[in-house]
Amino acid sequence: MLHYAVVFFVIALIAALFGFGGIAASAVGIAKILFVVFAVLAIASFLFGLISKN
Protein backbone atom coordinates (compact mmCIF):
# COMPACT_ATOMS: atom_id res chain seq x y z
CA MET A 1 0.00 0.00 0.00
CA LEU A 2 2.85 2.35 0.76
CA HIS A 3 4.27 1.53 -2.66
CA TYR A 4 1.07 2.72 -4.35
CA ALA A 5 1.08 5.93 -2.30
CA VAL A 6 4.62 6.66 -3.49
CA VAL A 7 3.68 5.83 -7.09
CA PHE A 8 0.75 8.26 -7.03
CA PHE A 9 2.97 10.92 -5.45
CA VAL A 10 5.52 10.51 -8.26
CA ILE A 11 2.71 10.69 -10.83
CA ALA A 12 1.55 13.93 -9.17
CA LEU A 13 5.04 15.40 -9.32
CA ILE A 14 5.42 14.55 -13.00
CA ALA A 15 1.94 15.88 -13.82
CA ALA A 16 2.67 19.12 -11.95
CA LEU A 17 5.97 19.46 -13.78
CA PHE A 18 4.17 19.33 -17.13
CA GLY A 19 1.40 21.69 -15.99
CA PHE A 20 -1.49 19.27 -15.52
CA GLY A 21 -2.83 20.78 -12.29
CA GLY A 22 -6.06 18.80 -12.09
CA ILE A 23 -4.38 15.46 -12.57
CA ALA A 24 -1.66 16.39 -10.08
CA ALA A 25 -4.22 17.37 -7.45
CA SER A 26 -6.13 14.14 -7.94
CA ALA A 27 -2.98 12.03 -7.69
CA VAL A 28 -1.91 13.84 -4.51
CA GLY A 29 -5.33 13.23 -3.00
CA ILE A 30 -5.15 9.53 -3.79
CA ALA A 31 -1.61 9.33 -2.41
CA LYS A 32 -2.72 10.97 0.86
CA ILE A 33 -5.62 8.56 1.26
CA LEU A 34 -3.43 5.53 0.56
CA PHE A 35 -0.79 6.74 3.02
CA VAL A 36 -3.37 7.21 5.78
CA VAL A 37 -4.82 3.74 5.12
CA PHE A 38 -1.29 2.31 5.23
CA ALA A 39 -0.54 4.08 8.53
CA VAL A 40 -3.79 2.87 10.14
CA LEU A 41 -3.22 -0.71 9.01
CA ALA A 42 0.41 -0.65 10.16
CA ILE A 43 -0.56 0.60 13.62
CA ALA A 44 -3.39 -1.94 13.87
CA SER A 45 -1.03 -4.73 12.85
CA PHE A 46 1.51 -3.61 15.44
CA LEU A 47 -1.10 -3.49 18.21
CA PHE A 48 -2.59 -6.88 17.31
CA GLY A 49 0.93 -8.32 17.28
CA LEU A 50 1.53 -7.04 20.78
CA ILE A 51 -1.81 -8.42 22.01
CA SER A 52 -1.29 -11.87 20.50
CA LYS A 53 2.16 -12.30 22.09
CA ASN A 54 0.71 -11.95 25.61
PDB file of N, CA and C in Angstrom:
ATOM      1  N   MET A   1       0.826  -1.191   0.000  1.00  0.00           N
ATOM      2  CA  MET A   1       0.000   0.000   0.000  1.00  0.00           C
ATOM      3  C   MET A   1       0.870   1.254   0.000  1.00  0.00           C
ATOM      4  N   LEU A   2       1.936   1.209   0.754  1.00  0.00           N
ATOM      5  CA  LEU A   2       2.848   2.355   0.763  1.00  0.00           C
ATOM      6  C   LEU A   2       3.472   2.552  -0.615  1.00  0.00           C
ATOM      7  N   HIS A   3       3.715   1.455  -1.305  1.00  0.00           N
ATOM      8  CA  HIS A   3       4.267   1.532  -2.659  1.00  0.00           C
ATOM      9  C   HIS A   3       3.330   2.309  -3.583  1.00  0.00           C
ATOM     10  N   TYR A   4       2.032   2.020  -3.502  1.00  0.00           N
ATOM     11  CA  TYR A   4       1.071   2.723  -4.352  1.00  0.00           C
ATOM     12  C   TYR A   4       0.980   4.203  -3.996  1.00  0.00           C
ATOM     13  N   ALA A   5       1.094   4.519  -2.717  1.00  0.00           N
ATOM     14  CA  ALA A   5       1.083   5.933  -2.305  1.00  0.00           C
ATOM     15  C   ALA A   5       2.268   6.667  -2.912  1.00  0.00           C
ATOM     16  N   VAL A   6       3.432   6.041  -2.895  1.00  0.00           N
ATOM     17  CA  VAL A   6       4.623   6.659  -3.486  1.00  0.00           C
ATOM     18  C   VAL A   6       4.463   6.790  -5.000  1.00  0.00           C
ATOM     19  N   VAL A   7       3.888   5.778  -5.640  1.00  0.00           N
ATOM     20  CA  VAL A   7       3.678   5.827  -7.092  1.00  0.00           C
ATOM     21  C   VAL A   7       2.762   6.993  -7.456  1.00  0.00           C
ATOM     22  N   PHE A   8       1.659   7.153  -6.732  1.00  0.00           N
ATOM     23  CA  PHE A   8       0.750   8.256  -7.032  1.00  0.00           C
ATOM     24  C   PHE A   8       1.398   9.602  -6.750  1.00  0.00           C
ATOM     25  N   PHE A   9       2.253   9.674  -5.736  1.00  0.00           N
ATOM     26  CA  PHE A   9       2.967  10.921  -5.452  1.00  0.00           C
ATOM     27  C   PHE A   9       3.919  11.267  -6.594  1.00  0.00           C
ATOM     28  N   VAL A  10       4.609  10.274  -7.126  1.00  0.00           N
ATOM     29  CA  VAL A  10       5.518  10.514  -8.257  1.00  0.00           C
ATOM     30  C   VAL A  10       4.723  10.937  -9.486  1.00  0.00           C
ATOM     31  N   ILE A  11       3.577  10.303  -9.705  1.00  0.00           N
ATOM     32  CA  ILE A  11       2.708  10.695 -10.827  1.00  0.00           C
ATOM     33  C   ILE A  11       2.284  12.157 -10.657  1.00  0.00           C
ATOM     34  N   ALA A  12       1.950  12.541  -9.424  1.00  0.00           N
ATOM     35  CA  ALA A  12       1.548  13.931  -9.165  1.00  0.00           C
ATOM     36  C   ALA A  12       2.684  14.892  -9.450  1.00  0.00           C
ATOM     37  N   LEU A  13       3.898  14.529  -9.049  1.00  0.00           N
ATOM     38  CA  LEU A  13       5.040  15.404  -9.319  1.00  0.00           C
ATOM     39  C   LEU A  13       5.284  15.568 -10.815  1.00  0.00           C
ATOM     40  N   ILE A  14       5.200  14.487 -11.550  1.00  0.00           N
ATOM     41  CA  ILE A  14       5.422  14.550 -12.997  1.00  0.00           C
ATOM     42  C   ILE A  14       4.318  15.354 -13.666  1.00  0.00           C
ATOM     43  N   ALA A  15       3.062  15.133 -13.243  1.00  0.00           N
ATOM     44  CA  ALA A  15       1.944  15.881 -13.824  1.00  0.00           C
ATOM     45  C   ALA A  15       2.072  17.374 -13.516  1.00  0.00           C
ATOM     46  N   ALA A  16       2.493  17.700 -12.303  1.00  0.00           N
ATOM     47  CA  ALA A  16       2.668  19.117 -11.951  1.00  0.00           C
ATOM     48  C   ALA A  16       3.804  19.741 -12.747  1.00  0.00           C
ATOM     49  N   LEU A  17       4.838  18.962 -13.005  1.00  0.00           N
ATOM     50  CA  LEU A  17       5.969  19.457 -13.783  1.00  0.00           C
ATOM     51  C   LEU A  17       5.545  19.850 -15.195  1.00  0.00           C
ATOM     52  N   PHE A  18       4.634  19.056 -15.769  1.00  0.00           N
ATOM     53  CA  PHE A  18       4.173  19.331 -17.129  1.00  0.00           C
ATOM     54  C   PHE A  18       2.947  20.240 -17.179  1.00  0.00           C
ATOM     55  N   GLY A  19       2.472  20.702 -16.015  1.00  0.00           N
ATOM     56  CA  GLY A  19       1.397  21.688 -15.994  1.00  0.00           C
ATOM     57  C   GLY A  19      -0.003  21.126 -15.940  1.00  0.00           C
ATOM     58  N   PHE A  20      -0.158  19.857 -15.634  1.00  0.00           N
ATOM     59  CA  PHE A  20      -1.489  19.268 -15.516  1.00  0.00           C
ATOM     60  C   PHE A  20      -1.938  19.357 -14.056  1.00  0.00           C
ATOM     61  N   GLY A  21      -2.479  20.508 -13.682  1.00  0.00           N
ATOM     62  CA  GLY A  21      -2.826  20.776 -12.289  1.00  0.00           C
ATOM     63  C   GLY A  21      -3.926  19.888 -11.747  1.00  0.00           C
ATOM     64  N   GLY A  22      -4.945  19.635 -12.547  1.00  0.00           N
ATOM     65  CA  GLY A  22      -6.062  18.803 -12.092  1.00  0.00           C
ATOM     66  C   GLY A  22      -5.638  17.372 -11.831  1.00  0.00           C
ATOM     67  N   ILE A  23      -4.855  16.833 -12.734  1.00  0.00           N
ATOM     68  CA  ILE A  23      -4.376  15.463 -12.570  1.00  0.00           C
ATOM     69  C   ILE A  23      -3.433  15.379 -11.378  1.00  0.00           C
ATOM     70  N   ALA A  24      -2.596  16.374 -11.211  1.00  0.00           N
ATOM     71  CA  ALA A  24      -1.662  16.389 -10.083  1.00  0.00           C
ATOM     72  C   ALA A  24      -2.414  16.450  -8.755  1.00  0.00           C
ATOM     73  N   ALA A  25      -3.446  17.268  -8.684  1.00  0.00           N
ATOM     74  CA  ALA A  25      -4.221  17.375  -7.452  1.00  0.00           C
ATOM     75  C   ALA A  25      -4.938  16.067  -7.134  1.00  0.00           C
ATOM     76  N   SER A  26      -5.466  15.424  -8.149  1.00  0.00           N
ATOM     77  CA  SER A  26      -6.131  14.135  -7.941  1.00  0.00           C
ATOM     78  C   SER A  26      -5.147  13.081  -7.463  1.00  0.00           C
ATOM     79  N   ALA A  27      -3.981  13.031  -8.069  1.00  0.00           N
ATOM     80  CA  ALA A  27      -2.984  12.035  -7.692  1.00  0.00           C
ATOM     81  C   ALA A  27      -2.481  12.274  -6.272  1.00  0.00           C
ATOM     82  N   VAL A  28      -2.327  13.539  -5.880  1.00  0.00           N
ATOM     83  CA  VAL A  28      -1.906  13.836  -4.512  1.00  0.00           C
ATOM     84  C   VAL A  28      -2.988  13.414  -3.526  1.00  0.00           C
ATOM     85  N   GLY A  29      -4.234  13.653  -3.869  1.00  0.00           N
ATOM     86  CA  GLY A  29      -5.335  13.233  -2.998  1.00  0.00           C
ATOM     87  C   GLY A  29      -5.366  11.726  -2.805  1.00  0.00           C
ATOM     88  N   ILE A  30      -5.181  10.988  -3.877  1.00  0.00           N
ATOM     89  CA  ILE A  30      -5.151   9.528  -3.790  1.00  0.00           C
ATOM     90  C   ILE A  30      -3.950   9.081  -2.970  1.00  0.00           C
ATOM     91  N   ALA A  31      -2.808   9.700  -3.167  1.00  0.00           N
ATOM     92  CA  ALA A  31      -1.611   9.330  -2.411  1.00  0.00           C
ATOM     93  C   ALA A  31      -1.811   9.585  -0.919  1.00  0.00           C
ATOM     94  N   LYS A  32      -2.457  10.685  -0.562  1.00  0.00           N
ATOM     95  CA  LYS A  32      -2.721  10.970   0.857  1.00  0.00           C
ATOM     96  C   LYS A  32      -3.627   9.916   1.472  1.00  0.00           C
ATOM     97  N   ILE A  33      -4.681   9.564   0.759  1.00  0.00           N
ATOM     98  CA  ILE A  33      -5.618   8.557   1.263  1.00  0.00           C
ATOM     99  C   ILE A  33      -4.916   7.220   1.449  1.00  0.00           C
ATOM    100  N   LEU A  34      -4.130   6.808   0.464  1.00  0.00           N
ATOM    101  CA  LEU A  34      -3.428   5.531   0.563  1.00  0.00           C
ATOM    102  C   LEU A  34      -2.417   5.543   1.702  1.00  0.00           C
ATOM    103  N   PHE A  35      -1.750   6.662   1.930  1.00  0.00           N
ATOM    104  CA  PHE A  35      -0.794   6.735   3.025  1.00  0.00           C
ATOM    105  C   PHE A  35      -1.497   6.629   4.371  1.00  0.00           C
ATOM    106  N   VAL A  36      -2.631   7.287   4.519  1.00  0.00           N
ATOM    107  CA  VAL A  36      -3.374   7.211   5.781  1.00  0.00           C
ATOM    108  C   VAL A  36      -3.867   5.785   6.020  1.00  0.00           C
ATOM    109  N   VAL A  37      -4.375   5.134   4.981  1.00  0.00           N
ATOM    110  CA  VAL A  37      -4.817   3.742   5.121  1.00  0.00           C
ATOM    111  C   VAL A  37      -3.635   2.863   5.514  1.00  0.00           C
ATOM    112  N   PHE A  38      -2.482   3.074   4.877  1.00  0.00           N
ATOM    113  CA  PHE A  38      -1.286   2.306   5.233  1.00  0.00           C
ATOM    114  C   PHE A  38      -0.916   2.517   6.696  1.00  0.00           C
ATOM    115  N   ALA A  39      -0.922   3.777   7.151  1.00  0.00           N
ATOM    116  CA  ALA A  39      -0.540   4.078   8.530  1.00  0.00           C
ATOM    117  C   ALA A  39      -1.503   3.424   9.524  1.00  0.00           C
ATOM    118  N   VAL A  40      -2.797   3.484   9.253  1.00  0.00           N
ATOM    119  CA  VAL A  40      -3.786   2.873  10.145  1.00  0.00           C
ATOM    120  C   VAL A  40      -3.599   1.361  10.197  1.00  0.00           C
ATOM    121  N   LEU A  41      -3.413   0.737   9.036  1.00  0.00           N
ATOM    122  CA  LEU A  41      -3.218  -0.713   9.012  1.00  0.00           C
ATOM    123  C   LEU A  41      -1.908  -1.122   9.677  1.00  0.00           C
ATOM    124  N   ALA A  42      -0.866  -0.331   9.518  1.00  0.00           N
ATOM    125  CA  ALA A  42       0.409  -0.647  10.158  1.00  0.00           C
ATOM    126  C   ALA A  42       0.293  -0.553  11.672  1.00  0.00           C
ATOM    127  N   ILE A  43      -0.376   0.459  12.175  1.00  0.00           N
ATOM    128  CA  ILE A  43      -0.564   0.600  13.623  1.00  0.00           C
ATOM    129  C   ILE A  43      -1.440  -0.522  14.161  1.00  0.00           C
ATOM    130  N   ALA A  44      -2.516  -0.845  13.440  1.00  0.00           N
ATOM    131  CA  ALA A  44      -3.393  -1.940  13.874  1.00  0.00           C
ATOM    132  C   ALA A  44      -2.631  -3.261  13.895  1.00  0.00           C
ATOM    133  N   SER A  45      -1.822  -3.507  12.896  1.00  0.00           N
ATOM    134  CA  SER A  45      -1.030  -4.734  12.846  1.00  0.00           C
ATOM    135  C   SER A  45      -0.047  -4.791  14.018  1.00  0.00           C
ATOM    136  N   PHE A  46       0.580  -3.680  14.318  1.00  0.00           N
ATOM    137  CA  PHE A  46       1.514  -3.613  15.442  1.00  0.00           C
ATOM    138  C   PHE A  46       0.800  -3.900  16.760  1.00  0.00           C
ATOM    139  N   LEU A  47      -0.363  -3.290  16.952  1.00  0.00           N
ATOM    140  CA  LEU A  47      -1.103  -3.491  18.205  1.00  0.00           C
ATOM    141  C   LEU A  47      -1.612  -4.921  18.334  1.00  0.00           C
ATOM    142  N   PHE A  48      -2.138  -5.497  17.254  1.00  0.00           N
ATOM    143  CA  PHE A  48      -2.593  -6.881  17.310  1.00  0.00           C
ATOM    144  C   PHE A  48      -1.440  -7.834  17.535  1.00  0.00           C
ATOM    145  N   GLY A  49      -0.263  -7.510  17.031  1.00  0.00           N
ATOM    146  CA  GLY A  49       0.932  -8.322  17.277  1.00  0.00           C
ATOM    147  C   GLY A  49       1.325  -8.299  18.737  1.00  0.00           C
ATOM    148  N   LEU A  50       1.219  -7.131  19.365  1.00  0.00           N
ATOM    149  CA  LEU A  50       1.527  -7.040  20.784  1.00  0.00           C
ATOM    150  C   LEU A  50       0.515  -7.814  21.634  1.00  0.00           C
ATOM    151  N   ILE A  51      -0.740  -7.744  21.256  1.00  0.00           N
ATOM    152  CA  ILE A  51      -1.805  -8.418  22.011  1.00  0.00           C
ATOM    153  C   ILE A  51      -1.660  -9.939  21.888  1.00  0.00           C
ATOM    154  N   SER A  52      -1.351 -10.431  20.698  1.00  0.00           N
ATOM    155  CA  SER A  52      -1.294 -11.872  20.497  1.00  0.00           C
ATOM    156  C   SER A  52      -0.076 -12.509  21.160  1.00  0.00           C
ATOM    157  N   LYS A  53       0.973 -11.754  21.432  1.00  0.00           N
ATOM    158  CA  LYS A  53       2.157 -12.298  22.094  1.00  0.00           C
ATOM    159  C   LYS A  53       1.921 -12.548  23.575  1.00  0.00           C
ATOM    160  N   ASN A  54       0.980 -11.813  24.173  1.00  0.00           N
ATOM    161  CA  ASN A  54       0.715 -11.949  25.615  1.00  0.00           C
ATOM    162  C   ASN A  54      -0.312 -12.974  25.882  1.00  0.00           C
TER     163      ASN A  54
END
